[in-house]
Amino acid sequence: MKDLDNIPALMAGIGQRAKAAASVLATASPEAKTQALQAAADAVWDGRESIIAANAKDLEYGRDKGLSGAMMDRLMLDEARIQGICDGLRAVAAQDDPVGEVLAEWDQPSGLHIRRVRTPLGVIGVIYESRPNVTADAGALCLKSGNAVILRGGSESFHSSGAIHACLVEGLRAAGLPEDAIQLVPTRDRAAVSEMLGMVDTIDVIVPRGGKGLVGLVQREARVPVFAHLEGIVHIYIDREADPEKALRVVMNAKTRRTGICGAAECLLIHRDVADTIGQGVIRALIDKGVEVRADEALQTIEGTVPATSEDWGREYLDMIIAARQVNNLDEAIDHIREYGSQHTDCILTEDDAAADAFFGRLDSAILMRNASTQFADGGEFGMGAEIGIATGKMHARGPVGAAQLTSFKYLVDGDGTTRG
């Protein structure tokens, strides 16, 4: 694009085109949106070789930047992951259209009939880091919910995101919807992010998806409202009434299945009564799997652990590292999570219903789990088809943000010449 050297002009043009597209999408038929998503899925699959070739350029860029193994895993696309992208697009396409859904309706004594109905937010800006699949997930969810979207992917995934975006545009074209409904910022220049954060006339909400640095920057500098997706400082508490087999299976999956995702476990809290039994078995299994266990003083007696420091509590590793601490009781576990957690996802392993109820009732994380791997903290696993992120704030959207969470509502009021006395 000719405006690449003039970032303010580039972003202003993208914003204006998005706003115009949003006005069309707001009344687009469910059938057209579904057709666009299905055609996009077909285009992604048909173009998988070119997407993998584009991804190879990004992987080379990532290696040159010295990205960690976990971050490289986040970045990598292969045929199986591209199939996953296609499946996500089709899953979103198959969902009920949220726009126009009647959330509530009632009659007033005055004679008014009132309906509260879902309506699109307008234009959504999504700023994300290395995972190129977010391009498809965010584009699909915004389209399904009748919103135009401006995507600003990470510099690491520049080529992959571009290739996936081209398929989304192909889907829009096939359905006769405006191609500007899903736009990708065509530059790695960070000035584009700063511009987006101030585009109050054209962007209705910003969704940052990435590490603490990115989200913190957006929260500090944005003049546009923000759905924050904070880091996943995910805790698992092994209660005194935990089942040994379940505990081993869940912790191993939660830590090692994929270490680079926000639902990966980062801190293990173990009740003192089971520290020498279940706790020791879990920690040894983690070490045998290649996980570095940074243990507090009470757990350092377990061979193979390394001493934890104060910096290890409240830390998102996104790597084969986990912090581990012995606690005296459930209260102490809850206090630790309240102090060091990020209100993303936390889990209790217990067969005691009262303990689980207390854990669920006294913690206010966006997602709380019992006897299940925290790697399920994902919109797709929640039946949303995909997600635009895990919102950890308390306003409007919270937890996995799917299509329904990308809507607001309005009131439709019918009368019959009704006047107020």
Protein backbone atom coordinates (compact mmCIF):
# COMPACT_ATOMS: atom_id res chain seq x y z
CA MET A 1 0.00 0.00 0.00
CA LYS A 2 1.24 3.46 -0.89
CA ASP A 3 0.62 4.77 2.65
CA LEU A 4 3.06 2.42 4.40
CA ASP A 5 5.43 5.29 5.12
CA ASN A 6 2.61 7.42 6.54
CA ILE A 7 1.26 5.32 9.39
CA PRO A 8 -1.36 7.83 10.63
CA ALA A 9 -2.84 8.11 7.13
CA LEU A 10 -2.68 4.33 6.66
CA MET A 11 -4.53 3.63 9.89
CA ALA A 12 -7.07 6.41 9.38
CA GLY A 13 -7.97 4.90 6.01
CA ILE A 14 -8.27 1.41 7.47
CA GLY A 15 -10.50 2.77 10.24
CA GLN A 16 -12.81 4.62 7.87
CA ARG A 17 -13.20 1.58 5.63
CA ALA A 18 -13.88 -0.62 8.66
CA LYS A 19 -16.57 1.74 9.91
CA ALA A 20 -18.27 1.72 6.51
CA ALA A 21 -18.09 -2.09 6.38
CA ALA A 22 -19.50 -2.36 9.92
CA SER A 23 -22.65 -0.52 8.88
CA VAL A 24 -23.24 -3.15 6.18
CA LEU A 25 -22.40 -6.11 8.43
CA ALA A 26 -24.81 -4.95 11.14
CA THR A 27 -27.72 -5.97 8.92
CA ALA A 28 -26.04 -8.77 6.93
CA SER A 29 -28.06 -11.97 6.82
CA PRO A 30 -26.98 -14.96 8.90
CA GLU A 31 -26.80 -16.94 5.65
CA ALA A 32 -24.28 -14.53 4.09
CA LYS A 33 -22.03 -14.61 7.16
CA THR A 34 -22.19 -18.40 7.29
CA GLN A 35 -21.36 -18.62 3.58
CA ALA A 36 -18.37 -16.30 4.03
CA LEU A 37 -16.96 -18.41 6.85
CA GLN A 38 -17.45 -21.70 5.05
CA ALA A 39 -15.83 -20.29 1.91
CA ALA A 40 -12.94 -18.98 4.02
CA ALA A 41 -12.44 -22.45 5.53
CA ASP A 42 -12.34 -23.95 2.04
CA ALA A 43 -9.83 -21.30 0.96
CA VAL A 44 -7.58 -21.98 3.96
CA TRP A 45 -7.54 -25.70 3.27
CA ASP A 46 -7.02 -25.25 -0.47
CA GLY A 47 -4.21 -22.80 0.26
CA ARG A 48 -2.51 -24.83 2.99
CA GLU A 49 0.73 -25.25 1.06
CA SER A 50 1.14 -21.51 0.56
CA ILE A 51 0.22 -20.88 4.21
CA ILE A 52 2.88 -23.37 5.36
CA ALA A 53 5.40 -21.71 3.01
CA ALA A 54 4.56 -18.30 4.49
CA ASN A 55 4.86 -19.80 7.98
CA ALA A 56 8.36 -21.07 7.13
CA LYS A 57 9.44 -17.44 6.62
CA ASP A 58 8.00 -16.55 10.02
CA LEU A 59 9.74 -19.49 11.70
CA GLU A 60 13.04 -18.35 10.21
CA TYR A 61 12.38 -14.83 11.48
CA GLY A 62 11.54 -16.24 14.92
CA ARG A 63 14.74 -18.29 15.05
CA ASP A 64 16.77 -15.22 14.10
CA LYS A 65 15.05 -13.31 16.94
CA GLY A 66 15.90 -16.08 19.38
CA LEU A 67 12.32 -16.99 20.31
CA SER A 68 11.96 -19.69 22.97
CA GLY A 69 10.88 -23.20 22.07
CA ALA A 70 7.41 -22.53 23.50
CA MET A 71 7.03 -19.36 21.44
CA MET A 72 8.22 -21.15 18.31
CA ASP A 73 5.59 -23.82 19.01
CA ARG A 74 2.94 -21.09 19.21
CA LEU A 75 4.09 -19.75 15.86
CA MET A 76 4.38 -23.03 13.97
CA LEU A 77 1.71 -24.16 11.51
CA ASP A 78 1.52 -27.63 10.01
CA GLU A 79 -1.26 -29.42 8.16
CA ALA A 80 -2.89 -30.60 11.39
CA ARG A 81 -3.02 -27.09 12.81
CA ILE A 82 -4.35 -25.72 9.53
CA GLN A 83 -7.06 -28.37 9.71
CA GLY A 84 -7.78 -27.02 13.18
CA ILE A 85 -8.13 -23.50 11.76
CA CYS A 86 -10.59 -24.80 9.15
CA ASP A 87 -12.53 -26.68 11.82
CA GLY A 88 -12.71 -23.51 13.92
CA LEU A 89 -14.03 -21.45 11.01
CA ARG A 90 -16.69 -24.06 10.26
CA ALA A 91 -17.64 -24.36 13.92
CA VAL A 92 -18.22 -20.61 14.16
CA ALA A 93 -20.16 -20.73 10.88
CA ALA A 94 -22.45 -23.44 12.30
CA GLN A 95 -23.34 -21.50 15.44
CA ASP A 96 -26.57 -19.59 15.83
CA ASP A 97 -26.24 -15.97 14.75
CA PRO A 98 -26.19 -13.82 17.90
CA VAL A 99 -27.26 -10.57 16.21
CA GLY A 100 -30.91 -9.78 16.89
CA GLU A 101 -31.28 -12.46 19.55
CA VAL A 102 -33.95 -11.42 22.04
CA LEU A 103 -32.32 -11.55 25.47
CA ALA A 104 -35.46 -10.55 27.37
CA GLU A 105 -38.88 -9.10 26.68
CA TRP A 106 -41.71 -7.88 28.84
CA ASP A 107 -44.81 -5.70 28.98
CA GLN A 108 -45.19 -2.63 31.17
CA PRO A 109 -48.47 -1.47 32.78
CA SER A 110 -48.12 1.65 30.62
CA GLY A 111 -48.79 -0.47 27.54
CA LEU A 112 -45.20 -0.60 26.32
CA HIS A 113 -43.75 -3.84 25.01
CA ILE A 114 -39.96 -3.87 25.57
CA ARG A 115 -37.34 -6.18 24.07
CA ARG A 116 -33.61 -6.29 24.83
CA VAL A 117 -31.78 -7.60 21.74
CA ARG A 118 -28.18 -8.31 20.83
CA THR A 119 -26.49 -5.82 18.55
CA PRO A 120 -22.92 -5.63 17.14
CA LEU A 121 -20.32 -3.49 18.87
CA GLY A 122 -19.20 -1.96 15.54
CA VAL A 123 -15.48 -2.03 14.79
CA ILE A 124 -13.16 -4.20 16.88
CA GLY A 125 -9.39 -3.80 16.93
CA VAL A 126 -7.46 -6.96 17.78
CA ILE A 127 -3.77 -6.67 18.69
CA TYR A 128 -2.06 -10.03 19.14
CA GLU A 129 1.35 -11.62 19.25
CA SER A 130 2.83 -14.71 17.68
CA ARG A 131 -0.08 -17.15 17.19
CA PRO A 132 -1.19 -16.86 13.55
CA ASN A 133 -4.40 -18.86 14.13
CA VAL A 134 -5.74 -15.82 16.01
CA THR A 135 -6.09 -14.17 12.60
CA ALA A 136 -8.74 -16.71 11.63
CA ASP A 137 -10.37 -16.97 15.07
CA ALA A 138 -10.72 -13.21 15.53
CA GLY A 139 -11.83 -12.61 11.97
CA ALA A 140 -14.47 -15.33 12.17
CA LEU A 141 -15.90 -14.30 15.53
CA CYS A 142 -16.09 -10.63 14.62
CA LEU A 143 -17.82 -11.45 11.33
CA LYS A 144 -20.29 -13.82 13.01
CA SER A 145 -21.21 -11.12 15.52
CA GLY A 146 -21.71 -8.50 12.79
CA ASN A 147 -18.57 -6.52 13.59
CA ALA A 148 -15.87 -5.25 11.29
CA VAL A 149 -12.37 -6.02 12.57
CA ILE A 150 -8.91 -4.51 12.25
CA LEU A 151 -6.27 -7.16 12.94
CA ARG A 152 -2.75 -6.22 13.98
CA GLY A 153 -0.76 -9.43 14.29
CA GLY A 154 2.67 -9.84 15.83
CA SER A 155 5.79 -9.20 13.79
CA GLU A 156 6.73 -12.87 14.19
CA SER A 157 3.58 -14.10 12.41
CA PHE A 158 3.52 -11.41 9.72
CA HIS A 159 3.64 -13.72 6.67
CA SER A 160 1.39 -16.46 8.13
CA SER A 161 -1.25 -13.95 9.20
CA GLY A 162 -1.18 -12.37 5.76
CA ALA A 163 -1.76 -15.70 4.04
CA ILE A 164 -4.65 -16.60 6.37
CA HIS A 165 -6.15 -13.13 6.02
CA ALA A 166 -6.21 -13.48 2.23
CA CYS A 167 -8.41 -16.57 2.67
CA LEU A 168 -10.81 -14.68 4.93
CA VAL A 169 -11.13 -11.95 2.31
CA GLU A 170 -11.80 -14.61 -0.30
CA GLY A 171 -14.67 -15.83 1.88
CA LEU A 172 -16.13 -12.34 2.19
CA ARG A 173 -15.92 -11.90 -1.57
CA ALA A 174 -17.68 -15.21 -2.19
CA ALA A 175 -20.57 -14.15 0.05
CA GLY A 176 -20.88 -10.65 -1.39
CA LEU A 177 -19.89 -8.99 1.87
CA PRO A 178 -17.53 -5.99 2.03
CA GLU A 179 -13.89 -7.06 1.87
CA ASP A 180 -13.04 -4.28 4.33
CA ALA A 181 -14.99 -6.16 7.01
CA ILE A 182 -11.76 -8.00 7.94
CA GLN A 183 -8.60 -5.92 7.49
CA LEU A 184 -5.04 -6.81 8.45
CA VAL A 185 -2.62 -4.00 9.24
CA PRO A 186 0.00 -4.43 6.48
CA THR A 187 3.09 -3.34 8.43
CA ARG A 188 5.26 -4.51 11.30
CA ASP A 189 5.76 -0.88 12.37
CA ARG A 190 4.76 -0.53 16.03
CA ALA A 191 3.50 2.97 15.33
CA ALA A 192 0.40 1.27 13.91
CA VAL A 193 -0.43 -0.05 17.38
CA SER A 194 -0.16 3.42 18.91
CA GLU A 195 -2.47 4.76 16.22
CA MET A 196 -5.06 2.05 16.86
CA LEU A 197 -5.15 2.84 20.57
CA GLY A 198 -6.30 6.38 19.82
CA MET A 199 -8.80 5.71 17.01
CA VAL A 200 -11.85 6.62 19.10
CA ASP A 201 -13.83 7.78 16.07
CA THR A 202 -13.61 4.47 14.24
CA ILE A 203 -12.75 1.65 16.71
CA ASP A 204 -15.30 0.72 19.38
CA VAL A 205 -13.21 -1.72 21.42
CA ILE A 206 -9.64 -3.05 21.48
CA VAL A 207 -8.84 -6.66 22.34
CA PRO A 208 -5.16 -7.22 23.19
CA ARG A 209 -4.05 -10.84 23.14
CA GLY A 210 -0.52 -11.52 24.25
CA GLY A 211 1.97 -11.19 27.07
CA LYS A 212 2.01 -8.85 30.02
CA GLY A 213 4.05 -6.26 28.14
CA LEU A 214 1.57 -5.93 25.28
CA VAL A 215 -1.54 -5.93 27.47
CA GLY A 216 0.02 -3.46 29.91
CA LEU A 217 0.91 -1.10 27.05
CA VAL A 218 -2.62 -1.25 25.67
CA GLN A 219 -4.23 -0.68 29.07
CA ARG A 220 -1.96 2.29 29.81
CA GLU A 221 -2.23 4.04 26.48
CA ALA A 222 -5.59 3.12 24.96
CA ARG A 223 -8.24 5.79 24.64
CA VAL A 224 -10.53 3.15 23.14
CA PRO A 225 -12.28 0.74 25.58
CA VAL A 226 -10.30 -2.49 26.17
CA PHE A 227 -11.20 -6.15 26.75
CA ALA A 228 -8.06 -7.19 28.60
CA HIS A 229 -6.60 -10.65 28.04
CA LEU A 230 -4.00 -10.75 30.80
CA GLU A 231 -1.27 -13.34 31.26
CA GLY A 232 -2.32 -16.79 32.42
CA ILE A 233 -0.76 -17.26 35.85
CA VAL A 234 -2.59 -20.55 36.26
CA HIS A 235 -2.62 -22.37 39.61
CA ILE A 236 -3.51 -25.96 40.43
CA TYR A 237 -4.20 -26.80 44.08
CA ILE A 238 -3.88 -30.45 45.11
CA ASP A 239 -6.23 -30.77 48.08
CA ARG A 240 -5.85 -33.29 50.92
CA GLU A 241 -8.83 -35.17 49.41
CA ALA A 242 -7.42 -35.33 45.88
CA ASP A 243 -7.60 -38.58 43.93
CA PRO A 244 -3.98 -39.64 43.21
CA GLU A 245 -4.62 -40.92 39.69
CA LYS A 246 -6.69 -37.88 38.67
CA ALA A 247 -4.12 -35.52 40.17
CA LEU A 248 -1.26 -37.07 38.21
CA ARG A 249 -3.20 -37.15 34.96
CA VAL A 250 -4.53 -33.59 35.23
CA VAL A 251 -1.31 -31.91 36.34
CA MET A 252 0.79 -33.60 33.67
CA ASN A 253 -1.63 -32.55 30.95
CA ALA A 254 -2.08 -29.04 32.34
CA LYS A 255 1.67 -28.40 32.38
CA THR A 256 3.13 -30.39 29.51
CA ARG A 257 0.52 -30.75 26.74
CA ARG A 258 1.41 -27.32 25.35
CA THR A 259 3.50 -25.09 27.58
CA GLY A 260 3.13 -21.96 25.44
CA ILE A 261 -0.63 -21.41 25.79
CA CYS A 262 -2.30 -19.22 28.39
CA GLY A 263 -4.08 -22.19 30.01
CA ALA A 264 -0.84 -23.99 30.86
CA ALA A 265 -0.32 -24.53 34.60
CA GLU A 266 2.40 -22.32 36.08
CA CYS A 267 2.14 -22.95 39.84
CA LEU A 268 1.36 -26.08 41.84
CA LEU A 269 0.03 -25.76 45.39
CA ILE A 270 0.07 -28.97 47.46
CA HIS A 271 -1.70 -29.61 50.78
CA ARG A 272 0.85 -30.60 53.40
CA ASP A 273 -1.05 -33.82 54.26
CA VAL A 274 -0.42 -35.21 50.75
CA ALA A 275 2.93 -33.57 50.03
CA ASP A 276 4.86 -36.80 50.71
CA THR A 277 2.44 -39.00 48.76
CA ILE A 278 0.46 -37.50 45.87
CA GLY A 279 2.60 -34.36 45.76
CA GLN A 280 5.87 -36.24 45.60
CA GLY A 281 4.55 -38.54 42.88
CA VAL A 282 3.33 -35.63 40.74
CA ILE A 283 6.55 -33.66 41.14
CA ARG A 284 8.72 -36.65 40.26
CA ALA A 285 6.59 -37.33 37.18
CA LEU A 286 6.98 -33.71 36.08
CA ILE A 287 10.76 -33.90 36.54
CA ASP A 288 10.93 -37.19 34.64
CA LYS A 289 9.06 -35.48 31.79
CA GLY A 290 11.70 -32.73 31.67
CA VAL A 291 9.89 -30.04 33.66
CA GLU A 292 12.02 -27.86 35.95
CA VAL A 293 10.20 -27.75 39.29
CA ARG A 294 11.05 -24.66 41.34
CA ALA A 295 10.07 -25.71 44.84
CA ASP A 296 9.65 -23.89 48.13
CA GLU A 297 11.71 -25.00 51.14
CA ALA A 298 9.19 -27.63 52.26
CA LEU A 299 9.23 -29.39 48.86
CA GLN A 300 12.97 -29.13 48.18
CA THR A 301 13.46 -32.49 49.89
CA ILE A 302 12.11 -34.05 46.70
CA GLU A 303 15.08 -35.06 44.57
CA GLY A 304 15.47 -33.13 41.33
CA THR A 305 13.71 -29.92 42.38
CA VAL A 306 15.48 -26.57 42.34
CA PRO A 307 14.94 -23.83 44.94
CA ALA A 308 12.22 -21.31 44.15
CA THR A 309 12.80 -17.61 44.74
CA SER A 310 10.25 -14.90 45.46
CA GLU A 311 10.28 -14.12 41.73
CA ASP A 312 8.75 -17.51 40.95
CA TRP A 313 5.38 -16.77 42.52
CA GLY A 314 3.04 -14.99 40.12
CA ARG A 315 5.14 -15.77 37.08
CA GLU A 316 4.00 -16.96 33.65
CA TYR A 317 6.76 -19.21 32.29
CA LEU A 318 5.19 -20.47 29.05
CA ASP A 319 7.93 -23.09 29.21
CA MET A 320 8.77 -26.45 30.81
CA ILE A 321 9.02 -24.81 34.24
CA ILE A 322 6.57 -24.82 37.13
CA ALA A 323 6.66 -23.32 40.62
CA ALA A 324 5.58 -25.57 43.51
CA ARG A 325 4.65 -24.72 47.09
CA GLN A 326 3.34 -26.63 50.08
CA VAL A 327 0.33 -25.06 51.83
CA ASN A 328 -1.17 -25.90 55.19
CA ASN A 329 -4.81 -25.85 54.11
CA LEU A 330 -7.34 -24.65 51.55
CA ASP A 331 -7.40 -21.16 53.05
CA GLU A 332 -3.68 -20.77 52.45
CA ALA A 333 -4.04 -21.98 48.85
CA ILE A 334 -6.81 -19.45 48.20
CA ASP A 335 -4.77 -16.65 49.79
CA HIS A 336 -1.79 -17.52 47.57
CA ILE A 337 -3.92 -17.48 44.42
CA ARG A 338 -5.52 -14.18 45.40
CA GLU A 339 -2.10 -12.63 45.90
CA TYR A 340 -0.25 -14.04 42.88
CA GLY A 341 -2.91 -15.08 40.35
CA SER A 342 -4.07 -13.13 37.29
CA GLN A 343 -7.79 -14.07 37.55
CA HIS A 344 -7.43 -16.16 34.40
CA THR A 345 -7.85 -19.87 35.25
CA ASP A 346 -7.35 -21.77 38.51
CA CYS A 347 -8.07 -25.39 39.42
CA ILE A 348 -8.68 -27.53 42.50
CA LEU A 349 -8.08 -31.28 42.56
CA THR A 350 -10.34 -32.78 45.21
CA GLU A 351 -13.08 -35.31 45.90
CA ASP A 352 -14.41 -33.07 48.71
CA ASP A 353 -17.50 -31.17 47.51
CA ALA A 354 -17.24 -28.65 50.35
CA ALA A 355 -13.64 -27.81 49.45
CA ALA A 356 -14.56 -27.40 45.80
CA ASP A 357 -17.51 -25.17 46.71
CA ALA A 358 -15.26 -22.97 48.85
CA PHE A 359 -12.67 -22.75 46.08
CA PHE A 360 -15.33 -21.79 43.51
CA GLY A 361 -17.06 -19.36 45.85
CA ARG A 362 -14.09 -17.49 47.28
CA LEU A 363 -11.98 -17.07 44.15
CA ASP A 364 -12.98 -14.74 41.35
CA SER A 365 -10.94 -15.97 38.41
CA ALA A 366 -12.64 -15.84 35.01
CA ILE A 367 -12.46 -19.67 34.87
CA LEU A 368 -12.45 -22.01 37.88
CA MET A 369 -12.07 -25.77 37.42
CA ARG A 370 -12.31 -28.94 39.47
CA ASN A 371 -10.54 -32.14 38.51
CA ALA A 372 -9.96 -30.98 34.92
CA SER A 373 -6.91 -29.83 33.00
CA THR A 374 -6.52 -26.08 32.76
CA GLN A 375 -5.63 -26.57 29.10
CA PHE A 376 -9.42 -26.63 28.55
CA ALA A 377 -9.40 -22.84 29.14
CA ASP A 378 -10.24 -22.22 25.51
CA GLY A 379 -13.29 -20.94 23.68
CA GLY A 380 -13.27 -23.89 21.29
CA GLU A 381 -13.36 -26.32 24.22
CA PHE A 382 -16.23 -24.30 25.73
CA GLY A 383 -18.30 -24.88 22.60
CA MET A 384 -17.77 -21.37 21.20
CA GLY A 385 -16.08 -22.62 18.03
CA ALA A 386 -13.15 -20.31 18.67
CA GLU A 387 -12.24 -17.41 20.90
CA ILE A 388 -10.77 -13.97 20.48
CA GLY A 389 -9.10 -14.27 23.89
CA ILE A 390 -9.73 -14.94 27.58
CA ALA A 391 -10.95 -11.69 29.12
CA THR A 392 -9.77 -11.35 32.72
CA GLY A 393 -11.50 -8.06 33.49
CA LYS A 394 -14.95 -7.83 35.05
CA MET A 395 -16.79 -5.55 32.64
CA HIS A 396 -18.98 -6.89 29.81
CA ALA A 397 -17.09 -9.90 28.39
CA ARG A 398 -15.31 -12.28 30.77
CA GLY A 399 -13.57 -15.60 30.23
CA PRO A 400 -13.47 -16.98 26.67
CA VAL A 401 -14.69 -14.26 24.31
CA GLY A 402 -16.77 -15.80 21.56
CA ALA A 403 -19.23 -14.28 19.09
CA ALA A 404 -21.96 -13.59 21.66
CA GLN A 405 -19.49 -11.74 23.90
CA LEU A 406 -18.64 -9.42 20.99
CA THR A 407 -22.13 -7.94 21.05
CA SER A 408 -23.85 -5.32 23.14
CA PHE A 409 -27.60 -4.87 23.30
CA LYS A 410 -30.25 -2.30 22.62
CA TYR A 411 -33.84 -1.89 23.75
CA LEU A 412 -36.67 -2.04 21.22
CA VAL A 413 -39.83 -0.44 22.60
CA ASP A 414 -43.27 -0.80 20.95
CA GLY A 415 -46.29 1.25 21.87
CA ASP A 416 -49.69 2.05 20.36
CA GLY A 417 -49.88 5.82 20.56
CA THR A 418 -48.78 5.37 24.14
CA THR A 419 -48.12 8.53 26.18
CA ARG A 420 -46.77 9.08 29.67
CA GLY A 421 -48.99 10.63 32.26
